[in-house]
Amino acid sequence: MGKSTLLNALVGQKVSITSAKPETTRQQILGIRTYPDVQLIYVDTPGIPPPLKRSRLHQMMQRSALSSLSSVDIIVWVLDRTKWQSEEERWLAILQKSPVAVIAAINKVDKLSNKTLLLSHLAELSKRMSFLALVPISAKKGTQIPELERVLQQHLPVAPPLFDKDTISDKESSFFITEWIRESVIRALGSELPYSAAVQLDIFQEKPNIVHLAATIWVEKMGQKKIVIGQGGKRLRFIGKKARLDCERLLGKKVFLQLWVKIKSGWREDDKLLKELGL
């Protein structure tokens, strides 16, 4: 759908990891954009997984997503072009019961070769639900992002700013470090390990000219550990290099990063580990 890509576009900086895989976002993430006279606070929520996939991890993700619906002023529902499947039906049923106004942001319109399909889709959406606005966008290319911001500013209530003007998220550096590593894992492995990996930061030691980081990549099976490490450790080195560069951009210093891959069978059902992971 591109929720996280849209959040990054709205904030103007990378605050949420992105991938082609659904359910990449596991926690609520605040993204904050402050203009001279307006502060916009965005909440990126996890998706709602299908019923058959509901592990303890997925239950926590679902609670996080649903709890946010009652604590915001406007909901931006990100839809993928003219796609309409069971996930959209689940969200429609939820949003129809919500007292909060909903904007439908139809994403990836730049990939639609037949623009007339978009017009008919917008008409069909209007029949399904009464939206505050329907805004076709391309989060990746920035198309119509200013228009979406304009609609939001027009309908948001007047209130004093909640964050300092230079703050872009409510998360600390340690959160972003584990997320950048997890993003590197997802991008390196593609479909081989879509949901079975988690990252835990073990060491964050900052010195004047360098930051020492050590993190554990948790997987559920020995076969998954071998996949992450790769032949002769090649894949793990690739994951570490990409994550290290992201961490250096985040921290503004050289980074020495050590990664370990460990097995924890059923970690997605382990409340203690999930809590340690901040979930």
Protein backbone atom coordinates (compact mmCIF):
# COMPACT_ATOMS: atom_id res chain seq x y z
CA MET A 1 0.00 0.00 0.00
CA GLY A 2 2.83 2.42 0.81
CA LYS A 3 1.81 3.76 4.24
CA SER A 4 5.37 4.12 5.42
CA THR A 5 6.53 5.64 2.13
CA LEU A 6 3.74 8.18 2.47
CA LEU A 7 4.71 8.96 6.07
CA ASN A 8 8.30 9.63 4.98
CA ALA A 9 7.07 11.88 2.17
CA LEU A 10 4.82 13.86 4.51
CA VAL A 11 7.53 14.27 7.16
CA GLY A 12 10.19 15.08 4.57
CA GLN A 13 12.64 12.59 6.11
CA LYS A 14 12.88 8.85 6.60
CA VAL A 15 11.25 7.88 9.89
CA SER A 16 9.66 4.55 8.89
CA ILE A 17 11.16 1.56 7.10
CA THR A 18 9.69 0.50 3.79
CA SER A 19 9.53 -2.72 1.80
CA ALA A 20 7.39 -4.45 -0.79
CA LYS A 21 6.14 -6.80 1.93
CA PRO A 22 2.86 -6.09 3.73
CA GLU A 23 2.86 -5.77 7.52
CA THR A 24 6.40 -4.35 7.62
CA THR A 25 5.37 -1.80 10.26
CA ARG A 26 5.08 -3.47 13.69
CA GLN A 27 4.68 -0.50 16.02
CA GLN A 28 2.98 2.86 15.97
CA ILE A 29 5.41 5.51 14.75
CA LEU A 30 4.82 9.24 15.03
CA GLY A 31 6.10 11.39 12.20
CA ILE A 32 6.07 15.15 12.83
CA ARG A 33 6.18 17.97 10.27
CA THR A 34 6.33 21.54 11.59
CA TYR A 35 5.77 24.64 9.48
CA PRO A 36 5.88 28.25 10.79
CA ASP A 37 2.15 28.19 11.59
CA VAL A 38 1.19 24.49 11.48
CA GLN A 39 2.36 21.27 13.12
CA LEU A 40 1.14 18.00 11.61
CA ILE A 41 1.52 14.80 13.63
CA TYR A 42 1.16 11.58 11.66
CA VAL A 43 0.69 8.11 13.15
CA ASP A 44 1.91 5.18 11.04
CA THR A 45 0.10 2.08 12.28
CA PRO A 46 0.67 -1.62 11.68
CA GLY A 47 -1.65 -3.31 9.23
CA ILE A 48 -4.30 -5.77 10.33
CA PRO A 49 -3.23 -9.31 9.40
CA PRO A 50 -5.67 -11.94 8.12
CA PRO A 51 -7.34 -14.01 10.90
CA LEU A 52 -5.29 -17.15 10.19
CA LYS A 53 -1.99 -15.31 10.81
CA ARG A 54 -2.78 -14.02 14.28
CA SER A 55 0.24 -14.87 16.42
CA ARG A 56 0.83 -12.94 19.66
CA LEU A 57 2.92 -10.53 17.58
CA HIS A 58 0.05 -10.02 15.15
CA GLN A 59 -2.43 -9.58 17.99
CA MET A 60 -0.25 -6.79 19.41
CA MET A 61 0.02 -5.21 15.95
CA GLN A 62 -3.75 -5.31 15.58
CA ARG A 63 -4.35 -3.74 18.98
CA SER A 64 -1.87 -1.00 18.14
CA ALA A 65 -3.58 -0.26 14.83
CA LEU A 66 -7.11 -0.24 16.22
CA SER A 67 -6.26 1.80 19.32
CA SER A 68 -4.95 4.63 17.18
CA LEU A 69 -8.27 5.08 15.39
CA SER A 70 -9.89 6.71 18.39
CA SER A 71 -6.95 8.96 19.28
CA VAL A 72 -6.55 10.90 16.02
CA ASP A 73 -8.43 13.79 14.45
CA ILE A 74 -8.41 12.46 10.88
CA ILE A 75 -7.74 9.02 9.42
CA VAL A 76 -5.85 8.77 6.12
CA TRP A 77 -6.68 5.42 4.54
CA VAL A 78 -3.96 4.51 2.03
CA LEU A 79 -5.24 2.39 -0.86
CA ASP A 80 -3.20 0.82 -3.65
CA ARG A 81 -4.47 2.16 -7.00
CA THR A 82 -7.69 0.32 -7.94
CA LYS A 83 -6.89 -2.81 -5.93
CA TRP A 84 -9.76 -4.05 -3.77
CA GLN A 85 -9.29 -7.30 -1.86
CA SER A 86 -10.18 -8.87 1.48
CA GLU A 87 -7.83 -6.52 3.39
CA GLU A 88 -9.65 -3.48 2.02
CA GLU A 89 -12.99 -5.03 2.97
CA ARG A 90 -11.78 -5.60 6.54
CA TRP A 91 -10.62 -2.00 6.88
CA LEU A 92 -13.81 -0.65 5.28
CA ALA A 93 -15.94 -2.46 7.87
CA ILE A 94 -13.80 -0.97 10.65
CA LEU A 95 -13.71 2.57 9.27
CA GLN A 96 -17.45 2.66 8.60
CA LYS A 97 -17.97 2.31 12.36
CA SER A 98 -15.38 4.95 13.28
CA PRO A 99 -16.61 8.41 14.40
CA VAL A 100 -13.39 9.93 12.97
CA ALA A 101 -13.45 11.52 9.51
CA VAL A 102 -11.61 9.53 6.82
CA ILE A 103 -9.59 10.68 3.81
CA ALA A 104 -8.93 8.06 1.15
CA ALA A 105 -5.44 8.47 -0.33
CA ILE A 106 -5.29 6.40 -3.51
CA ASN A 107 -1.60 5.65 -3.89
CA LYS A 108 0.63 4.65 -6.84
CA VAL A 109 -1.57 6.41 -9.39
CA ASP A 110 1.56 7.03 -11.45
CA LYS A 111 1.54 3.31 -12.26
CA LEU A 112 -1.99 3.38 -13.73
CA SER A 113 -1.77 3.25 -17.51
CA ASN A 114 -5.52 3.72 -17.92
CA LYS A 115 -6.54 6.84 -15.97
CA THR A 116 -10.24 6.25 -16.67
CA LEU A 117 -10.03 3.28 -14.30
CA LEU A 118 -9.12 5.71 -11.53
CA LEU A 119 -12.20 7.83 -12.16
CA SER A 120 -14.51 4.84 -11.98
CA HIS A 121 -12.72 3.61 -8.85
CA LEU A 122 -13.16 6.98 -7.15
CA ALA A 123 -16.86 6.90 -7.99
CA GLU A 124 -17.15 3.39 -6.53
CA LEU A 125 -15.33 4.42 -3.36
CA SER A 126 -17.74 7.31 -2.89
CA LYS A 127 -20.63 4.83 -2.97
CA ARG A 128 -19.02 2.57 -0.38
CA MET A 129 -18.43 5.26 2.23
CA SER A 130 -18.72 8.99 2.86
CA PHE A 131 -15.14 10.30 2.81
CA LEU A 132 -13.88 13.68 3.89
CA ALA A 133 -11.89 13.70 0.63
CA LEU A 134 -10.54 11.39 -2.07
CA VAL A 135 -6.95 12.29 -2.98
CA PRO A 136 -5.03 10.39 -5.70
CA ILE A 137 -1.31 10.42 -4.85
CA SER A 138 2.06 8.88 -5.54
CA ALA A 139 3.92 8.68 -2.23
CA LYS A 140 7.12 7.55 -3.95
CA LYS A 141 7.18 10.40 -6.49
CA GLY A 142 5.59 13.03 -4.25
CA THR A 143 2.62 13.56 -6.55
CA GLN A 144 -0.29 15.35 -4.84
CA ILE A 145 1.42 15.23 -1.42
CA PRO A 146 1.01 19.02 -1.03
CA GLU A 147 -2.69 18.62 -1.85
CA LEU A 148 -3.09 15.94 0.82
CA GLU A 149 -1.36 18.23 3.32
CA ARG A 150 -3.65 21.09 2.29
CA VAL A 151 -6.77 19.00 2.91
CA LEU A 152 -5.43 17.90 6.30
CA GLN A 153 -4.58 21.45 7.38
CA GLN A 154 -8.01 22.62 6.28
CA HIS A 155 -9.83 20.14 8.52
CA LEU A 156 -7.55 19.73 11.54
CA PRO A 157 -8.59 21.49 14.78
CA VAL A 158 -6.69 24.50 16.06
CA ALA A 159 -4.37 23.61 18.95
CA PRO A 160 -0.91 24.54 20.29
CA PRO A 161 2.05 22.49 18.96
CA LEU A 162 2.89 19.37 20.94
CA PHE A 163 6.52 19.00 19.87
CA ASP A 164 9.57 21.18 19.36
CA LYS A 165 9.93 22.47 15.79
CA ASP A 166 13.01 20.30 15.11
CA THR A 167 11.44 17.04 16.32
CA ILE A 168 10.50 14.63 13.52
CA SER A 169 9.43 11.58 15.56
CA ASP A 170 8.62 10.37 19.06
CA LYS A 171 11.12 7.50 18.75
CA GLU A 172 14.70 7.45 20.05
CA SER A 173 17.82 6.60 18.08
CA SER A 174 17.87 3.03 19.43
CA PHE A 175 14.50 2.35 17.81
CA PHE A 176 15.65 3.62 14.43
CA ILE A 177 18.84 1.56 14.61
CA THR A 178 16.94 -1.70 15.09
CA GLU A 179 14.47 -0.70 12.36
CA TRP A 180 17.22 0.13 9.85
CA ILE A 181 18.79 -3.29 10.55
CA ARG A 182 15.41 -5.03 10.15
CA GLU A 183 14.80 -3.17 6.89
CA SER A 184 18.19 -4.35 5.64
CA VAL A 185 17.26 -7.92 6.56
CA ILE A 186 13.92 -7.70 4.74
CA ARG A 187 15.44 -6.18 1.63
CA ALA A 188 18.29 -8.69 1.52
CA LEU A 189 16.07 -11.74 1.96
CA GLY A 190 12.98 -10.84 -0.02
CA SER A 191 10.44 -13.66 0.17
CA GLU A 192 12.80 -16.09 1.94
CA LEU A 193 12.15 -14.74 5.44
CA PRO A 194 9.20 -12.35 5.33
CA TYR A 195 8.01 -12.24 8.95
CA SER A 196 10.25 -14.51 11.02
CA ALA A 197 13.00 -12.04 11.92
CA ALA A 198 13.26 -9.48 14.70
CA VAL A 199 16.13 -7.24 15.80
CA GLN A 200 17.27 -6.44 19.34
CA LEU A 201 19.90 -3.81 20.15
CA ASP A 202 22.44 -5.14 22.64
CA ILE A 203 25.13 -2.44 22.72
CA PHE A 204 24.92 1.30 21.99
CA GLN A 205 28.23 2.86 23.01
CA GLU A 206 28.87 6.37 21.76
CA LYS A 207 32.37 7.84 21.67
CA PRO A 208 33.55 11.22 20.33
CA ASN A 209 34.30 9.98 16.81
CA ILE A 210 32.57 6.61 16.54
CA VAL A 211 29.54 4.69 17.75
CA HIS A 212 29.85 0.99 18.66
CA LEU A 213 26.68 -0.99 18.02
CA ALA A 214 25.90 -4.66 18.50
CA ALA A 215 22.54 -6.24 17.69
CA THR A 216 20.91 -9.65 17.59
CA ILE A 217 18.80 -10.80 14.67
CA TRP A 218 16.29 -13.30 16.07
CA VAL A 219 14.93 -16.06 13.85
CA GLU A 220 12.82 -19.11 14.61
CA LYS A 221 14.69 -21.99 12.95
CA MET A 222 18.22 -23.15 12.13
CA GLY A 223 17.41 -23.04 8.44
CA GLN A 224 16.45 -19.38 8.76
CA LYS A 225 19.71 -18.63 10.57
CA LYS A 226 21.66 -20.15 7.69
CA ILE A 227 19.67 -18.06 5.20
CA VAL A 228 20.43 -14.81 7.06
CA ILE A 229 24.14 -15.58 7.41
CA GLY A 230 24.54 -16.87 3.85
CA GLN A 231 27.45 -18.79 2.41
CA GLY A 232 30.62 -17.83 4.25
CA GLY A 233 28.74 -15.03 6.01
CA LYS A 234 28.33 -13.11 2.75
CA ARG A 235 24.68 -12.19 3.22
CA LEU A 236 25.10 -11.09 6.83
CA ARG A 237 27.98 -8.82 5.79
CA PHE A 238 25.76 -7.32 3.09
CA ILE A 239 22.97 -6.73 5.65
CA GLY A 240 25.44 -5.16 8.07
CA LYS A 241 26.97 -2.83 5.48
CA LYS A 242 23.61 -1.43 4.39
CA ALA A 243 22.41 -1.03 8.00
CA ARG A 244 25.71 0.57 9.07
CA LEU A 245 25.45 3.24 6.36
CA ASP A 246 21.88 4.04 7.42
CA CYS A 247 22.97 4.27 11.06
CA GLU A 248 25.83 6.60 10.16
CA ARG A 249 23.40 8.93 8.39
CA LEU A 250 21.14 8.82 11.43
CA LEU A 251 23.84 9.40 14.05
CA GLY A 252 26.15 11.66 12.06
CA LYS A 253 29.21 9.60 13.06
CA LYS A 254 31.18 6.59 11.97
CA VAL A 255 29.57 3.36 13.16
CA PHE A 256 31.11 0.02 14.05
CA LEU A 257 28.29 -2.53 13.83
CA GLN A 258 28.35 -6.16 14.96
CA LEU A 259 25.46 -8.46 14.10
CA TRP A 260 24.65 -11.82 15.63
CA VAL A 261 22.01 -14.25 14.41
CA LYS A 262 20.31 -16.32 17.12
CA ILE A 263 17.46 -18.80 17.22
CA LYS A 264 14.40 -18.38 19.42
CA SER A 265 11.74 -20.89 18.47
CA GLY A 266 8.29 -19.30 18.54
CA TRP A 267 9.56 -15.82 19.41
CA ARG A 268 6.39 -14.32 17.92
CA GLU A 269 4.46 -16.01 20.76
CA ASP A 270 6.94 -15.06 23.51
CA ASP A 271 5.48 -12.19 25.56
CA LYS A 272 8.76 -11.57 27.39
CA LEU A 273 10.84 -11.25 24.22
CA LEU A 274 8.15 -9.21 22.50
CA LYS A 275 8.24 -6.78 25.44
CA GLU A 276 12.06 -6.61 25.28
CA LEU A 277 11.72 -5.81 21.58
CA GLY A 278 9.44 -2.92 22.46
CA LEU A 279 6.33 -4.55 20.99
